[in-house]
Each structure stands twice: as C-alpha cells, then as structure tokens.
Amino acid sequence: MLPTIIPIFPLPNAVLFPNVFMPLHIFEPRYRAMVADALTGDRIIGMVLLKAGYETNYEGRPPIYPIGCAGLITHSEPLVDGRYNIVLKGIEKFAVTGEDASKPYRLASIDALPEQVPAGDRPELHRLRQRLEALLAAAMEREGSDPKFPPAVPDEDLVNALAQYMALEPLERQALLERDGVLARCRSLVELLEMKTIGRRATWKGGAVH
C-alpha cells in the first residue's frame, strides 16, 4: 500500500508503469536530496510527467499531469560527486491531490489507483495481448528482426512493458498510463499500433507514387 505523501520526480519525457523497471541518473541537488531521503526511508519515489511550457519555471514547481506511477528503488549507486544512478521498479498508479512545500524537492499528497485485472477481463486481455504480439511481430519482420515474446510474462506485465519501452511520444505514454485499467490500456495500445501501421503503409505508398 502506498503512503499518502510521497516525493515526486517530474520529468518531461519519462512515464513509469506498474511492474516495469526504469534506470535514472540523478544529478540535480534537490533530487539528490530526494534520493538520499528515500534510501533512508521506504525507497518510494513517484514519477510524473511535466506539462508543456515547464521550461519557464523548471527550477520551481511547474505544472504536472496529475496521474503518475510510484516506483521502488531496487538498485542505487552513489557517485563520488553526490550524483546517483538508480533503478526504479513501478509499483502502483496514483493521483496527485496536493503538494507539500516543506522540502527542497517536490512532495505530493496522493490517492493510490491500484490496477487489479478482474477474472472476467482476463480472456479479452489475453486475446488483445495476442493481437499486440502479432502487430509487433509484423512490424519487426518488415525491419528484418526476428521477434520473440516471452510467453511466461503475464499479460498485464507485457502490456505495461510495451507501453513504457516502445517508441512512443511522452504524451502517448501518459495517455496510456491514464487509461482505466490494464484492459483499457491494452485496447488503446492496439489501436495506437494499428494507426501507426496504417500511417507507415500510406507513407510508403505515397513515396512509391512519387
């Protein structure tokens, strides 16, 4: 169960998903302090995405998207100059309900948003997982790769890993994170891949004509 107040690490291009790993290099003084405090506590940090225009107030508290994902620091490497290399493992989604300005880094009041897959949704989730794999396999074969998907990975973990690691725009990832549950996320990911596939085909056909 997540604490009701957690440190948050806002970035312009990183979205964390439950049960997926994310390596991070921590160099800003305020976020070095955040990691140091987390390592002496519960090791939890919340990842959130910065909204457009953050550059004008980056050193302050620029606006963030209210839905993020908490991660547990599973590996930490302190460097001689005070920086850190860490690895976060996504734990659970959350919604930011407020902020606490008592620290140099950002602290957020949150409501946890657990994503349990109901038993009744599992057959549809598995069917959509197979559709995802087929779409990715076709795309990879066109590029000369030999696609392999580990069958032992649970459906929800594969969906979340693809949402995080595929070549998507940060806002596309954020939209996937905000979907109401893993089944809805999987549907959206299938739709997104189908649209990208159609777009690539149209581009190729257009190029052939010219």
C-alpha atoms as a PDB file:
ATOM      1  CA  MET A   1       0.000   0.000   0.000  1.00  0.00           C
ATOM      2  CA  LEU A   2       1.362   3.407  -0.977  1.00  0.00           C
ATOM      3  CA  PRO A   3       1.952   6.140   1.609  1.00  0.00           C
ATOM      4  CA  THR A   4      -0.395   9.119   1.359  1.00  0.00           C
ATOM      5  CA  ILE A   5       2.548  11.520   0.845  1.00  0.00           C
ATOM      6  CA  ILE A   6       5.457  10.637  -1.440  1.00  0.00           C
ATOM      7  CA  PRO A   7       8.309  12.505  -3.148  1.00  0.00           C
ATOM      8  CA  ILE A   8       7.681  13.060  -6.841  1.00  0.00           C
ATOM      9  CA  PHE A   9      10.233  13.333  -9.619  1.00  0.00           C
ATOM     10  CA  PRO A  10       8.797  15.296 -12.576  1.00  0.00           C
ATOM     11  CA  LEU A  11      10.432  14.793 -15.969  1.00  0.00           C
ATOM     12  CA  PRO A  12       9.437  15.958 -19.476  1.00  0.00           C
ATOM     13  CA  ASN A  13       9.887  12.623 -21.223  1.00  0.00           C
ATOM     14  CA  ALA A  14       9.625   9.700 -18.779  1.00  0.00           C
ATOM     15  CA  VAL A  15       6.472   7.762 -17.824  1.00  0.00           C
ATOM     16  CA  LEU A  16       6.697   4.794 -15.451  1.00  0.00           C
ATOM     17  CA  PHE A  17       4.260   1.862 -15.487  1.00  0.00           C
ATOM     18  CA  PRO A  18       3.499  -0.717 -12.780  1.00  0.00           C
ATOM     19  CA  ASN A  19       5.936  -3.636 -12.570  1.00  0.00           C
ATOM     20  CA  VAL A  20       8.307  -2.127 -15.159  1.00  0.00           C
ATOM     21  CA  PHE A  21      11.885  -1.017 -14.461  1.00  0.00           C
ATOM     22  CA  MET A  22      13.310   2.441 -15.199  1.00  0.00           C
ATOM     23  CA  PRO A  23      17.005   3.440 -14.832  1.00  0.00           C
ATOM     24  CA  LEU A  24      17.594   7.058 -13.816  1.00  0.00           C
ATOM     25  CA  HIS A  25      20.620   9.314 -13.392  1.00  0.00           C
ATOM     26  CA  ILE A  26      20.077  11.825 -10.577  1.00  0.00           C
ATOM     27  CA  PHE A  27      22.215  14.966 -10.737  1.00  0.00           C
ATOM     28  CA  GLU A  28      20.178  17.985  -9.573  1.00  0.00           C
ATOM     29  CA  PRO A  29      20.898  18.867  -5.903  1.00  0.00           C
ATOM     30  CA  ARG A  30      17.214  18.831  -4.897  1.00  0.00           C
ATOM     31  CA  TYR A  31      16.682  15.390  -6.382  1.00  0.00           C
ATOM     32  CA  ARG A  32      19.931  14.080  -4.889  1.00  0.00           C
ATOM     33  CA  ALA A  33      18.384  15.053  -1.543  1.00  0.00           C
ATOM     34  CA  MET A  34      15.171  13.283  -2.558  1.00  0.00           C
ATOM     35  CA  VAL A  35      17.014  10.034  -3.325  1.00  0.00           C
ATOM     36  CA  ALA A  36      19.094  10.253  -0.142  1.00  0.00           C
ATOM     37  CA  ASP A  37      15.908  10.667   1.929  1.00  0.00           C
ATOM     38  CA  ALA A  38      14.137   7.864   0.051  1.00  0.00           C
ATOM     39  CA  LEU A  39      17.056   5.480   0.628  1.00  0.00           C
ATOM     40  CA  THR A  40      16.861   6.040   4.380  1.00  0.00           C
ATOM     41  CA  GLY A  41      13.081   5.571   4.306  1.00  0.00           C
ATOM     42  CA  ASP A  42      10.692   3.420   2.273  1.00  0.00           C
ATOM     43  CA  ARG A  43      12.642   3.851  -1.016  1.00  0.00           C
ATOM     44  CA  ILE A  44       9.499   5.062  -2.859  1.00  0.00           C
ATOM     45  CA  ILE A  45       9.541   7.826  -5.477  1.00  0.00           C
ATOM     46  CA  GLY A  46       6.628   8.892  -7.679  1.00  0.00           C
ATOM     47  CA  MET A  47       7.281   9.577 -11.363  1.00  0.00           C
ATOM     48  CA  VAL A  48       5.136  12.260 -13.019  1.00  0.00           C
ATOM     49  CA  LEU A  49       5.212  13.929 -16.427  1.00  0.00           C
ATOM     50  CA  LEU A  50       5.775  17.675 -16.778  1.00  0.00           C
ATOM     51  CA  LYS A  51       3.266  19.631 -18.839  1.00  0.00           C
ATOM     52  CA  ALA A  52       4.315  21.680 -21.859  1.00  0.00           C
ATOM     53  CA  GLY A  53       5.873  25.031 -21.002  1.00  0.00           C
ATOM     54  CA  TYR A  54       7.683  23.710 -17.933  1.00  0.00           C
ATOM     55  CA  GLU A  55      10.938  25.338 -19.106  1.00  0.00           C
ATOM     56  CA  THR A  56       9.892  28.796 -17.899  1.00  0.00           C
ATOM     57  CA  ASN A  57       9.676  27.592 -14.282  1.00  0.00           C
ATOM     58  CA  TYR A  58      11.711  24.390 -14.235  1.00  0.00           C
ATOM     59  CA  GLU A  59      13.624  25.339 -11.083  1.00  0.00           C
ATOM     60  CA  GLY A  60      10.325  25.929  -9.284  1.00  0.00           C
ATOM     61  CA  ARG A  61       7.195  23.806  -9.388  1.00  0.00           C
ATOM     62  CA  PRO A  62       5.922  23.777 -12.979  1.00  0.00           C
ATOM     63  CA  PRO A  63       2.583  22.073 -13.737  1.00  0.00           C
ATOM     64  CA  ILE A  64       2.481  18.287 -13.919  1.00  0.00           C
ATOM     65  CA  TYR A  65      -0.025  15.721 -15.138  1.00  0.00           C
ATOM     66  CA  PRO A  66      -1.984  14.523 -12.095  1.00  0.00           C
ATOM     67  CA  ILE A  67      -1.664  10.804 -12.787  1.00  0.00           C
ATOM     68  CA  GLY A  68       1.706   9.180 -12.123  1.00  0.00           C
ATOM     69  CA  CYS A  69       3.224   5.899 -11.032  1.00  0.00           C
ATOM     70  CA  ALA A  70       5.151   5.211  -7.841  1.00  0.00           C
ATOM     71  CA  GLY A  71       8.352   3.212  -8.024  1.00  0.00           C
ATOM     72  CA  LEU A  72      10.551   1.395  -5.536  1.00  0.00           C
ATOM     73  CA  ILE A  73      14.319   1.978  -5.692  1.00  0.00           C
ATOM     74  CA  THR A  74      15.639  -1.537  -6.294  1.00  0.00           C
ATOM     75  CA  HIS A  75      19.220  -0.513  -7.056  1.00  0.00           C
ATOM     76  CA  SER A  76      21.245   2.560  -6.120  1.00  0.00           C
ATOM     77  CA  GLU A  77      24.791   3.568  -6.960  1.00  0.00           C
ATOM     78  CA  PRO A  78      26.053   6.700  -5.196  1.00  0.00           C
ATOM     79  CA  LEU A  79      28.729   8.502  -7.202  1.00  0.00           C
ATOM     80  CA  VAL A  80      31.701  10.404  -5.761  1.00  0.00           C
ATOM     81  CA  ASP A  81      30.318  13.853  -6.638  1.00  0.00           C
ATOM     82  CA  GLY A  82      26.951  13.257  -4.969  1.00  0.00           C
ATOM     83  CA  ARG A  83      25.042  12.095  -8.022  1.00  0.00           C
ATOM     84  CA  TYR A  84      23.199   8.762  -8.108  1.00  0.00           C
ATOM     85  CA  ASN A  85      22.406   6.058 -10.598  1.00  0.00           C
ATOM     86  CA  ILE A  86      19.214   4.314  -9.516  1.00  0.00           C
ATOM     87  CA  VAL A  87      16.718   1.803 -10.855  1.00  0.00           C
ATOM     88  CA  LEU A  88      13.031   2.175 -10.077  1.00  0.00           C
ATOM     89  CA  LYS A  89      10.508  -0.643 -10.310  1.00  0.00           C
ATOM     90  CA  GLY A  90       6.965   0.582 -10.868  1.00  0.00           C
ATOM     91  CA  ILE A  91       4.599  -0.285  -8.032  1.00  0.00           C
ATOM     92  CA  GLU A  92       1.245   1.434  -8.462  1.00  0.00           C
ATOM     93  CA  LYS A  93      -0.538   4.300 -10.177  1.00  0.00           C
ATOM     94  CA  PHE A  94      -1.592   7.321  -8.167  1.00  0.00           C
ATOM     95  CA  ALA A  95      -3.443  10.611  -8.495  1.00  0.00           C
ATOM     96  CA  VAL A  96      -1.870  13.791  -7.113  1.00  0.00           C
ATOM     97  CA  THR A  97      -4.315  15.617  -4.835  1.00  0.00           C
ATOM     98  CA  GLY A  98      -1.994  18.323  -3.482  1.00  0.00           C
ATOM     99  CA  GLU A  99       1.608  19.300  -2.795  1.00  0.00           C
ATOM    100  CA  ASP A 100       3.698  19.933   0.322  1.00  0.00           C
ATOM    101  CA  ALA A 101       6.418  22.615   0.003  1.00  0.00           C
ATOM    102  CA  SER A 102       8.342  21.646   3.160  1.00  0.00           C
ATOM    103  CA  LYS A 103      11.251  20.049   1.256  1.00  0.00           C
ATOM    104  CA  PRO A 104      13.574  21.362  -1.482  1.00  0.00           C
ATOM    105  CA  TYR A 105      12.184  18.654  -3.759  1.00  0.00           C
ATOM    106  CA  ARG A 106       8.506  18.110  -4.527  1.00  0.00           C
ATOM    107  CA  LEU A 107       6.267  16.140  -2.153  1.00  0.00           C
ATOM    108  CA  ALA A 108       2.760  15.171  -3.217  1.00  0.00           C
ATOM    109  CA  SER A 109      -0.357  14.065  -1.408  1.00  0.00           C
ATOM    110  CA  ILE A 110      -1.712  11.163  -3.417  1.00  0.00           C
ATOM    111  CA  ASP A 111      -4.545   8.685  -3.770  1.00  0.00           C
ATOM    112  CA  ALA A 112      -3.413   5.209  -4.845  1.00  0.00           C
ATOM    113  CA  LEU A 113      -5.034   3.821  -8.017  1.00  0.00           C
ATOM    114  CA  PRO A 114      -4.492   0.032  -7.908  1.00  0.00           C
ATOM    115  CA  GLU A 115      -4.970  -1.884 -11.153  1.00  0.00           C
ATOM    116  CA  GLN A 116      -6.192  -5.386 -10.427  1.00  0.00           C
ATOM    117  CA  VAL A 117      -7.402  -7.285 -13.518  1.00  0.00           C
ATOM    118  CA  PRO A 118     -10.840  -8.811 -12.808  1.00  0.00           C
ATOM    119  CA  ALA A 119     -11.109 -12.502 -13.659  1.00  0.00           C
ATOM    120  CA  GLY A 120     -13.837 -11.716 -16.187  1.00  0.00           C
ATOM    121  CA  ASP A 121     -11.481  -9.427 -18.136  1.00  0.00           C
ATOM    122  CA  ARG A 122      -8.646 -11.924 -18.465  1.00  0.00           C
ATOM    123  CA  PRO A 123      -9.841 -13.773 -21.617  1.00  0.00           C
ATOM    124  CA  GLU A 124     -10.241 -10.472 -23.507  1.00  0.00           C
ATOM    125  CA  LEU A 125      -6.904  -9.207 -22.188  1.00  0.00           C
ATOM    126  CA  HIS A 126      -5.178 -12.363 -23.389  1.00  0.00           C
ATOM    127  CA  ARG A 127      -6.822 -12.088 -26.827  1.00  0.00           C
ATOM    128  CA  LEU A 128      -5.660  -8.480 -27.137  1.00  0.00           C
ATOM    129  CA  ARG A 129      -2.162  -9.446 -25.986  1.00  0.00           C
ATOM    130  CA  GLN A 130      -2.010 -11.875 -28.911  1.00  0.00           C
ATOM    131  CA  ARG A 131      -3.143  -9.075 -31.248  1.00  0.00           C
ATOM    132  CA  LEU A 132      -0.398  -6.830 -29.851  1.00  0.00           C
ATOM    133  CA  GLU A 133       2.207  -9.511 -30.414  1.00  0.00           C
ATOM    134  CA  ALA A 134       1.011 -10.064 -33.988  1.00  0.00           C
ATOM    135  CA  LEU A 135       1.206  -6.337 -34.780  1.00  0.00           C
ATOM    136  CA  LEU A 136       4.687  -6.046 -33.295  1.00  0.00           C
ATOM    137  CA  ALA A 137       5.906  -9.202 -34.991  1.00  0.00           C
ATOM    138  CA  ALA A 138       4.748  -7.938 -38.394  1.00  0.00           C
ATOM    139  CA  ALA A 139       6.461  -4.572 -37.831  1.00  0.00           C
ATOM    140  CA  MET A 140       9.709  -6.195 -36.675  1.00  0.00           C
ATOM    141  CA  GLU A 141       9.764  -8.669 -39.555  1.00  0.00           C
ATOM    142  CA  ARG A 142       9.441  -5.772 -42.026  1.00  0.00           C
ATOM    143  CA  GLU A 143      12.584  -4.321 -40.431  1.00  0.00           C
ATOM    144  CA  GLY A 144      14.442  -7.637 -40.658  1.00  0.00           C
ATOM    145  CA  SER A 145      14.225  -8.546 -36.965  1.00  0.00           C
ATOM    146  CA  ASP A 146      13.288 -11.908 -35.511  1.00  0.00           C
ATOM    147  CA  PRO A 147      10.575 -11.141 -32.946  1.00  0.00           C
ATOM    148  CA  LYS A 148      10.421 -13.209 -29.755  1.00  0.00           C
ATOM    149  CA  PHE A 149       7.953 -12.617 -26.954  1.00  0.00           C
ATOM    150  CA  PRO A 150       8.380 -14.408 -23.614  1.00  0.00           C
ATOM    151  CA  PRO A 151       5.174 -16.441 -23.105  1.00  0.00           C
ATOM    152  CA  ALA A 152       5.748 -16.684 -19.340  1.00  0.00           C
ATOM    153  CA  VAL A 153       5.318 -12.918 -18.873  1.00  0.00           C
ATOM    154  CA  PRO A 154       1.818 -12.172 -17.504  1.00  0.00           C
ATOM    155  CA  ASP A 155      -0.462 -10.317 -19.897  1.00  0.00           C
ATOM    156  CA  GLU A 156      -0.627  -7.153 -17.769  1.00  0.00           C
ATOM    157  CA  ASP A 157       3.162  -7.001 -17.372  1.00  0.00           C
ATOM    158  CA  LEU A 158       3.698  -7.321 -21.125  1.00  0.00           C
ATOM    159  CA  VAL A 159       1.165  -4.570 -21.827  1.00  0.00           C
ATOM    160  CA  ASN A 160       2.814  -2.233 -19.310  1.00  0.00           C
ATOM    161  CA  ALA A 161       6.320  -3.015 -20.559  1.00  0.00           C
ATOM    162  CA  LEU A 162       5.328  -2.304 -24.160  1.00  0.00           C
ATOM    163  CA  ALA A 163       3.618   0.939 -23.124  1.00  0.00           C
ATOM    164  CA  GLN A 164       6.850   2.057 -21.445  1.00  0.00           C
ATOM    165  CA  TYR A 165       9.539   0.768 -23.805  1.00  0.00           C
ATOM    166  CA  MET A 166       8.031   1.165 -27.274  1.00  0.00           C
ATOM    167  CA  ALA A 167       8.957   4.183 -29.413  1.00  0.00           C
ATOM    168  CA  LEU A 168       6.054   6.411 -28.381  1.00  0.00           C
ATOM    169  CA  GLU A 169       5.738  10.100 -27.630  1.00  0.00           C
ATOM    170  CA  PRO A 170       5.654  11.031 -23.912  1.00  0.00           C
ATOM    171  CA  LEU A 171       2.040  12.226 -24.234  1.00  0.00           C
ATOM    172  CA  GLU A 172       1.065   8.914 -25.833  1.00  0.00           C
ATOM    173  CA  ARG A 173       2.614   7.099 -22.877  1.00  0.00           C
ATOM    174  CA  GLN A 174       0.860   9.415 -20.430  1.00  0.00           C
ATOM    175  CA  ALA A 175      -2.488   8.754 -22.114  1.00  0.00           C
ATOM    176  CA  LEU A 176      -1.857   5.008 -21.833  1.00  0.00           C
ATOM    177  CA  LEU A 177      -0.994   5.331 -18.140  1.00  0.00           C
ATOM    178  CA  GLU A 178      -4.196   7.277 -17.520  1.00  0.00           C
ATOM    179  CA  ARG A 179      -6.407   4.600 -19.055  1.00  0.00           C
ATOM    180  CA  ASP A 180      -8.807   2.997 -16.588  1.00  0.00           C
ATOM    181  CA  GLY A 181      -7.093  -0.324 -16.032  1.00  0.00           C
ATOM    182  CA  VAL A 182      -4.849  -2.690 -17.961  1.00  0.00           C
ATOM    183  CA  LEU A 183      -7.551  -3.958 -20.336  1.00  0.00           C
ATOM    184  CA  ALA A 184      -8.374  -0.400 -21.471  1.00  0.00           C
ATOM    185  CA  ARG A 185      -4.625   0.314 -21.780  1.00  0.00           C
ATOM    186  CA  CYS A 186      -4.173  -2.775 -23.946  1.00  0.00           C
ATOM    187  CA  ARG A 187      -7.079  -1.765 -26.210  1.00  0.00           C
ATOM    188  CA  SER A 188      -5.602   1.708 -26.628  1.00  0.00           C
ATOM    189  CA  LEU A 189      -2.152   0.292 -27.345  1.00  0.00           C
ATOM    190  CA  VAL A 190      -3.583  -1.983 -30.053  1.00  0.00           C
ATOM    191  CA  GLU A 191      -5.441   0.993 -31.602  1.00  0.00           C
ATOM    192  CA  LEU A 192      -2.295   3.120 -31.456  1.00  0.00           C
ATOM    193  CA  LEU A 193      -0.183   0.463 -33.157  1.00  0.00           C
ATOM    194  CA  GLU A 194      -2.825  -0.120 -35.816  1.00  0.00           C
ATOM    195  CA  MET A 195      -2.938   3.624 -36.598  1.00  0.00           C
ATOM    196  CA  LYS A 196       0.857   3.812 -36.785  1.00  0.00           C
ATOM    197  CA  THR A 197       0.914   0.761 -39.079  1.00  0.00           C
ATOM    198  CA  ILE A 198      -1.688   2.331 -41.397  1.00  0.00           C
ATOM    199  CA  GLY A 199       0.294   5.590 -41.384  1.00  0.00           C
ATOM    200  CA  ARG A 200       3.506   3.809 -42.373  1.00  0.00           C
ATOM    201  CA  ARG A 201       1.734   1.996 -45.204  1.00  0.00           C
ATOM    202  CA  ALA A 202       0.265   5.270 -46.510  1.00  0.00           C
ATOM    203  CA  THR A 203       3.672   6.922 -46.389  1.00  0.00           C
ATOM    204  CA  TRP A 204       5.248   4.039 -48.271  1.00  0.00           C
ATOM    205  CA  LYS A 205       2.531   4.059 -50.934  1.00  0.00           C
ATOM    206  CA  GLY A 206       2.828   7.818 -51.294  1.00  0.00           C
ATOM    207  CA  GLY A 207       6.587   7.515 -51.743  1.00  0.00           C
ATOM    208  CA  ALA A 208       6.114   4.835 -54.377  1.00  0.00           C
ATOM    209  CA  VAL A 209       3.795   7.053 -56.411  1.00  0.00           C
ATOM    210  CA  HIS A 210       6.275   9.938 -56.434  1.00  0.00           C
END
